[in-house]
Amino acid sequence: MSKVVPFSQMTEVTIDELRQMASDCRESIWARAKSMGREPKIYLHWTAGRYAQSWDDYHVQIDEDGKLYIPPDVTLDDDSLPATYRRNTGSVAITLLCCVGATTEDLGEMPPTEAQIESMAKAIVAIADGLWLTIDKDHVLTHGEAAANEDGIYPHEAYSCWNDECHDGQVRWDLEYLQTDESPSYNPWAEDGSRGGDVLRGKANWYRNKWSENE
């Protein structure tokens, strides 16, 4: 059961600190992932809550202004956080604090901000660098993509909004669209790069290449 964490208890971290945290946990996260017969994963979420409303079930949380936070007493190899159904072992969950009242027609009064989107892309790079991961759909997925088993592993029946094989109504579609020019509307069947996951992975790879050129 998710619980709200008082924002005053959250610890702000930088991209460099996040990269080091991932590096420090690399062996542990890889060992846990291998115990499940897969490589580490990075899962991308939104909380469906308000800006500055933090929770206890995500490793990295990004507020409206793009600042990154870690909950108290949480490390990146903590697989007790129930962020992603049957996929938590050997994974890291990043979430945007936003999207209360979001629907597939409109992301509500608190949609993802530009600062949040760019910060999530940078956080993906930091964690992927620390864990030695390629930034692709095999390793980095939105919750909706993971719910639909779009990485080709099947730890559960699909429960995405567009493919609910569980038929239990507990569907997920986090970040399927971002309500931006690059990702304007809900269309999980799009092949033009406008799905939220495609945009976020594209931005992350852009930052990774840019930073690599400047080293």
Protein backbone atom coordinates (compact mmCIF):
# COMPACT_ATOMS: atom_id res chain seq x y z
CA MET A 1 0.00 0.00 0.00
CA SER A 2 1.55 3.29 -1.10
CA LYS A 3 2.07 5.93 1.55
CA VAL A 4 2.73 9.63 1.20
CA VAL A 5 6.18 10.68 2.43
CA PRO A 6 6.39 14.21 3.85
CA PHE A 7 8.33 16.20 1.28
CA SER A 8 10.54 17.58 4.05
CA GLN A 9 11.91 14.07 4.59
CA MET A 10 13.04 13.63 0.98
CA THR A 11 16.72 14.05 0.08
CA GLU A 12 17.56 16.11 -2.98
CA VAL A 13 20.28 14.63 -5.21
CA THR A 14 22.15 15.81 -8.29
CA ILE A 15 22.62 13.91 -11.54
CA ASP A 16 26.24 13.19 -10.63
CA GLU A 17 25.23 11.90 -7.21
CA LEU A 18 22.55 9.71 -8.80
CA ARG A 19 25.10 8.25 -11.23
CA GLN A 20 27.41 7.43 -8.31
CA MET A 21 24.54 5.86 -6.36
CA ALA A 22 23.77 3.61 -9.33
CA SER A 23 27.43 2.70 -9.71
CA ASP A 24 27.67 1.83 -6.02
CA CYS A 25 24.67 -0.52 -6.38
CA ARG A 26 25.68 -2.00 -9.76
CA GLU A 27 26.82 -5.43 -8.58
CA SER A 28 23.85 -5.86 -6.27
CA ILE A 29 21.27 -4.81 -8.86
CA TRP A 30 22.81 -7.01 -11.56
CA ALA A 31 22.89 -10.00 -9.21
CA ARG A 32 19.25 -9.51 -8.28
CA ALA A 33 18.20 -9.12 -11.90
CA LYS A 34 20.13 -12.22 -12.95
CA SER A 35 18.37 -14.19 -10.20
CA MET A 36 15.18 -13.45 -12.16
CA GLY A 37 16.78 -14.46 -15.46
CA ARG A 38 17.00 -10.95 -16.89
CA GLU A 39 19.14 -7.83 -16.98
CA PRO A 40 18.44 -4.73 -14.85
CA LYS A 41 15.56 -2.50 -15.83
CA ILE A 42 14.71 1.16 -15.37
CA TYR A 43 10.97 1.80 -15.09
CA LEU A 44 9.40 5.22 -15.66
CA HIS A 45 6.29 6.25 -13.78
CA TRP A 46 4.09 9.12 -12.80
CA THR A 47 2.43 9.18 -9.40
CA ALA A 48 -1.01 10.34 -10.57
CA GLY A 49 -0.73 12.73 -7.64
CA ARG A 50 0.19 16.37 -7.13
CA TYR A 51 3.40 18.28 -7.55
CA ALA A 52 5.49 18.11 -4.35
CA GLN A 53 3.50 15.07 -3.16
CA SER A 54 6.04 12.30 -2.67
CA TRP A 55 5.50 8.60 -2.06
CA ASP A 56 7.34 5.63 -0.59
CA ASP A 57 7.31 3.27 -3.59
CA TYR A 58 9.71 4.89 -6.09
CA HIS A 59 13.50 5.17 -5.86
CA VAL A 60 13.87 8.52 -7.66
CA GLN A 61 11.16 11.21 -7.63
CA ILE A 62 11.13 14.35 -9.75
CA ASP A 63 9.20 17.46 -8.80
CA GLU A 64 7.65 20.20 -10.91
CA ASP A 65 10.90 22.17 -11.13
CA GLY A 66 12.93 19.15 -12.26
CA LYS A 67 14.73 18.58 -8.95
CA LEU A 68 15.45 14.96 -8.04
CA TYR A 69 14.68 13.40 -4.66
CA ILE A 70 15.22 10.08 -2.90
CA PRO A 71 12.90 8.86 -0.09
CA PRO A 72 14.38 8.37 3.38
CA ASP A 73 16.39 5.18 3.94
CA VAL A 74 16.06 4.08 0.29
CA THR A 75 18.92 2.81 -1.86
CA LEU A 76 18.69 2.10 -5.59
CA ASP A 77 19.01 -1.65 -4.99
CA ASP A 78 16.03 -1.67 -2.62
CA ASP A 79 13.65 -4.09 -4.33
CA SER A 80 11.02 -3.90 -1.61
CA LEU A 81 9.47 -0.81 -3.22
CA PRO A 82 6.25 -1.96 -4.96
CA ALA A 83 6.52 0.32 -7.98
CA THR A 84 6.19 -2.10 -10.89
CA TYR A 85 4.12 -5.28 -10.54
CA ARG A 86 6.28 -8.45 -10.57
CA ARG A 87 9.23 -6.48 -11.98
CA ASN A 88 10.78 -4.81 -8.93
CA THR A 89 13.71 -7.19 -8.34
CA GLY A 90 16.81 -5.82 -10.06
CA SER A 91 15.13 -2.64 -11.24
CA VAL A 92 15.12 1.09 -10.48
CA ALA A 93 11.89 3.11 -10.53
CA ILE A 94 11.91 6.80 -11.51
CA THR A 95 8.71 8.79 -11.19
CA LEU A 96 7.36 12.24 -11.95
CA LEU A 97 5.31 13.86 -9.20
CA CYS A 98 2.31 14.86 -11.28
CA CYS A 99 -0.81 13.91 -13.23
CA VAL A 100 -3.56 13.94 -10.61
CA GLY A 101 -6.82 13.38 -12.47
CA ALA A 102 -5.09 12.47 -15.74
CA THR A 103 -7.06 10.66 -18.43
CA THR A 104 -6.21 9.40 -21.90
CA GLU A 105 -7.90 12.57 -23.20
CA ASP A 106 -6.17 15.14 -20.96
CA LEU A 107 -3.39 14.99 -18.39
CA GLY A 108 -5.23 17.22 -15.96
CA GLU A 109 -4.28 20.30 -13.99
CA MET A 110 -0.79 19.04 -13.13
CA PRO A 111 0.69 17.49 -16.30
CA PRO A 112 4.40 16.69 -16.69
CA THR A 113 6.36 19.93 -16.93
CA GLU A 114 9.18 20.52 -19.39
CA ALA A 115 11.60 20.58 -16.46
CA GLN A 116 10.34 17.20 -15.24
CA ILE A 117 10.58 15.59 -18.67
CA GLU A 118 14.14 16.80 -19.28
CA SER A 119 15.17 15.83 -15.75
CA MET A 120 13.74 12.33 -16.16
CA ALA A 121 15.77 11.91 -19.37
CA LYS A 122 18.92 12.99 -17.52
CA ALA A 123 18.12 10.66 -14.61
CA ILE A 124 17.77 7.76 -17.06
CA VAL A 125 21.28 8.50 -18.34
CA ALA A 126 22.74 8.73 -14.84
CA ILE A 127 21.29 5.39 -13.75
CA ALA A 128 22.02 3.66 -17.06
CA ASP A 129 25.63 4.91 -16.90
CA GLY A 130 26.01 3.69 -13.34
CA LEU A 131 24.55 0.28 -14.17
CA TRP A 132 26.27 -0.05 -17.58
CA LEU A 133 22.97 -0.30 -19.46
CA THR A 134 22.00 0.48 -23.03
CA ILE A 135 19.13 2.98 -23.23
CA ASP A 136 16.56 1.04 -25.22
CA LYS A 137 13.20 -0.61 -24.62
CA ASP A 138 14.89 -3.79 -23.40
CA HIS A 139 16.20 -1.85 -20.40
CA VAL A 140 14.16 1.38 -20.05
CA LEU A 141 10.35 1.25 -20.14
CA THR A 142 7.41 3.32 -19.04
CA HIS A 143 5.05 1.60 -16.65
CA GLY A 144 2.53 1.25 -19.46
CA GLU A 145 5.08 -0.43 -21.73
CA ALA A 146 6.14 -2.74 -18.92
CA ALA A 147 2.50 -3.55 -18.16
CA ALA A 148 2.11 -4.62 -21.80
CA ASN A 149 5.31 -6.73 -21.64
CA GLU A 150 6.75 -4.75 -24.54
CA ASP A 151 10.30 -5.80 -23.63
CA GLY A 152 9.50 -9.38 -24.58
CA ILE A 153 9.58 -10.87 -21.10
CA TYR A 154 6.38 -12.09 -19.49
CA PRO A 155 6.46 -11.99 -15.68
CA HIS A 156 2.70 -11.32 -15.68
CA GLU A 157 -0.30 -11.09 -17.96
CA ALA A 158 -0.56 -7.76 -19.75
CA TYR A 159 -2.39 -5.10 -17.79
CA SER A 160 -1.74 -1.97 -19.84
CA CYS A 161 -4.62 0.36 -20.57
CA TRP A 162 -4.61 -0.79 -24.21
CA ASN A 163 -4.05 -4.49 -23.56
CA ASP A 164 -5.60 -5.65 -20.29
CA GLU A 165 -5.39 -9.44 -20.41
CA CYS A 166 -6.00 -9.55 -16.66
CA HIS A 167 -9.45 -8.01 -17.06
CA ASP A 168 -9.29 -6.70 -13.51
CA GLY A 169 -9.47 -2.98 -14.26
CA GLN A 170 -6.06 -2.37 -12.64
CA VAL A 171 -4.61 -0.95 -15.82
CA ARG A 172 -1.48 1.19 -16.14
CA TRP A 173 -0.50 3.68 -18.80
CA ASP A 174 2.00 6.00 -17.07
CA LEU A 175 3.75 8.36 -19.53
CA GLU A 176 2.13 6.86 -22.63
CA TYR A 177 1.84 10.46 -23.80
CA LEU A 178 3.34 13.66 -22.41
CA GLN A 179 0.95 16.29 -23.78
CA THR A 180 3.82 18.09 -25.52
CA ASP A 181 4.52 18.89 -29.17
CA GLU A 182 6.66 15.74 -29.39
CA SER A 183 4.06 13.54 -27.71
CA PRO A 184 0.71 15.31 -28.04
CA SER A 185 -1.90 12.62 -27.51
CA TYR A 186 -2.65 9.10 -26.35
CA ASN A 187 -1.81 6.64 -29.13
CA PRO A 188 -0.09 3.47 -27.89
CA TRP A 189 -0.08 2.09 -31.42
CA ALA A 190 1.95 4.99 -32.83
CA GLU A 191 5.16 4.10 -34.68
CA ASP A 192 6.33 7.66 -35.36
CA GLY A 193 8.28 8.11 -32.11
CA SER A 194 5.52 10.11 -30.40
CA ARG A 195 4.82 7.66 -27.58
CA GLY A 196 6.08 8.94 -24.25
CA GLY A 197 8.59 6.15 -23.80
CA ASP A 198 10.08 6.74 -27.24
CA VAL A 199 10.44 10.45 -26.52
CA LEU A 200 12.05 9.90 -23.12
CA ARG A 201 14.50 7.28 -24.40
CA GLY A 202 15.34 9.55 -27.34
CA LYS A 203 16.04 12.49 -25.06
CA ALA A 204 18.11 10.31 -22.75
CA ASN A 205 20.28 9.06 -25.61
CA TRP A 206 20.68 12.65 -26.82
CA TYR A 207 21.96 13.71 -23.40
CA ARG A 208 24.22 10.66 -23.17
CA ASN A 209 25.79 11.43 -26.54
CA LYS A 210 26.13 15.13 -25.73
CA TRP A 211 27.81 14.48 -22.39
CA SER A 212 30.09 11.86 -23.94
CA GLU A 213 31.27 14.38 -26.54
CA ASN A 214 32.13 16.87 -23.80
CA GLU A 215 34.22 14.44 -21.76
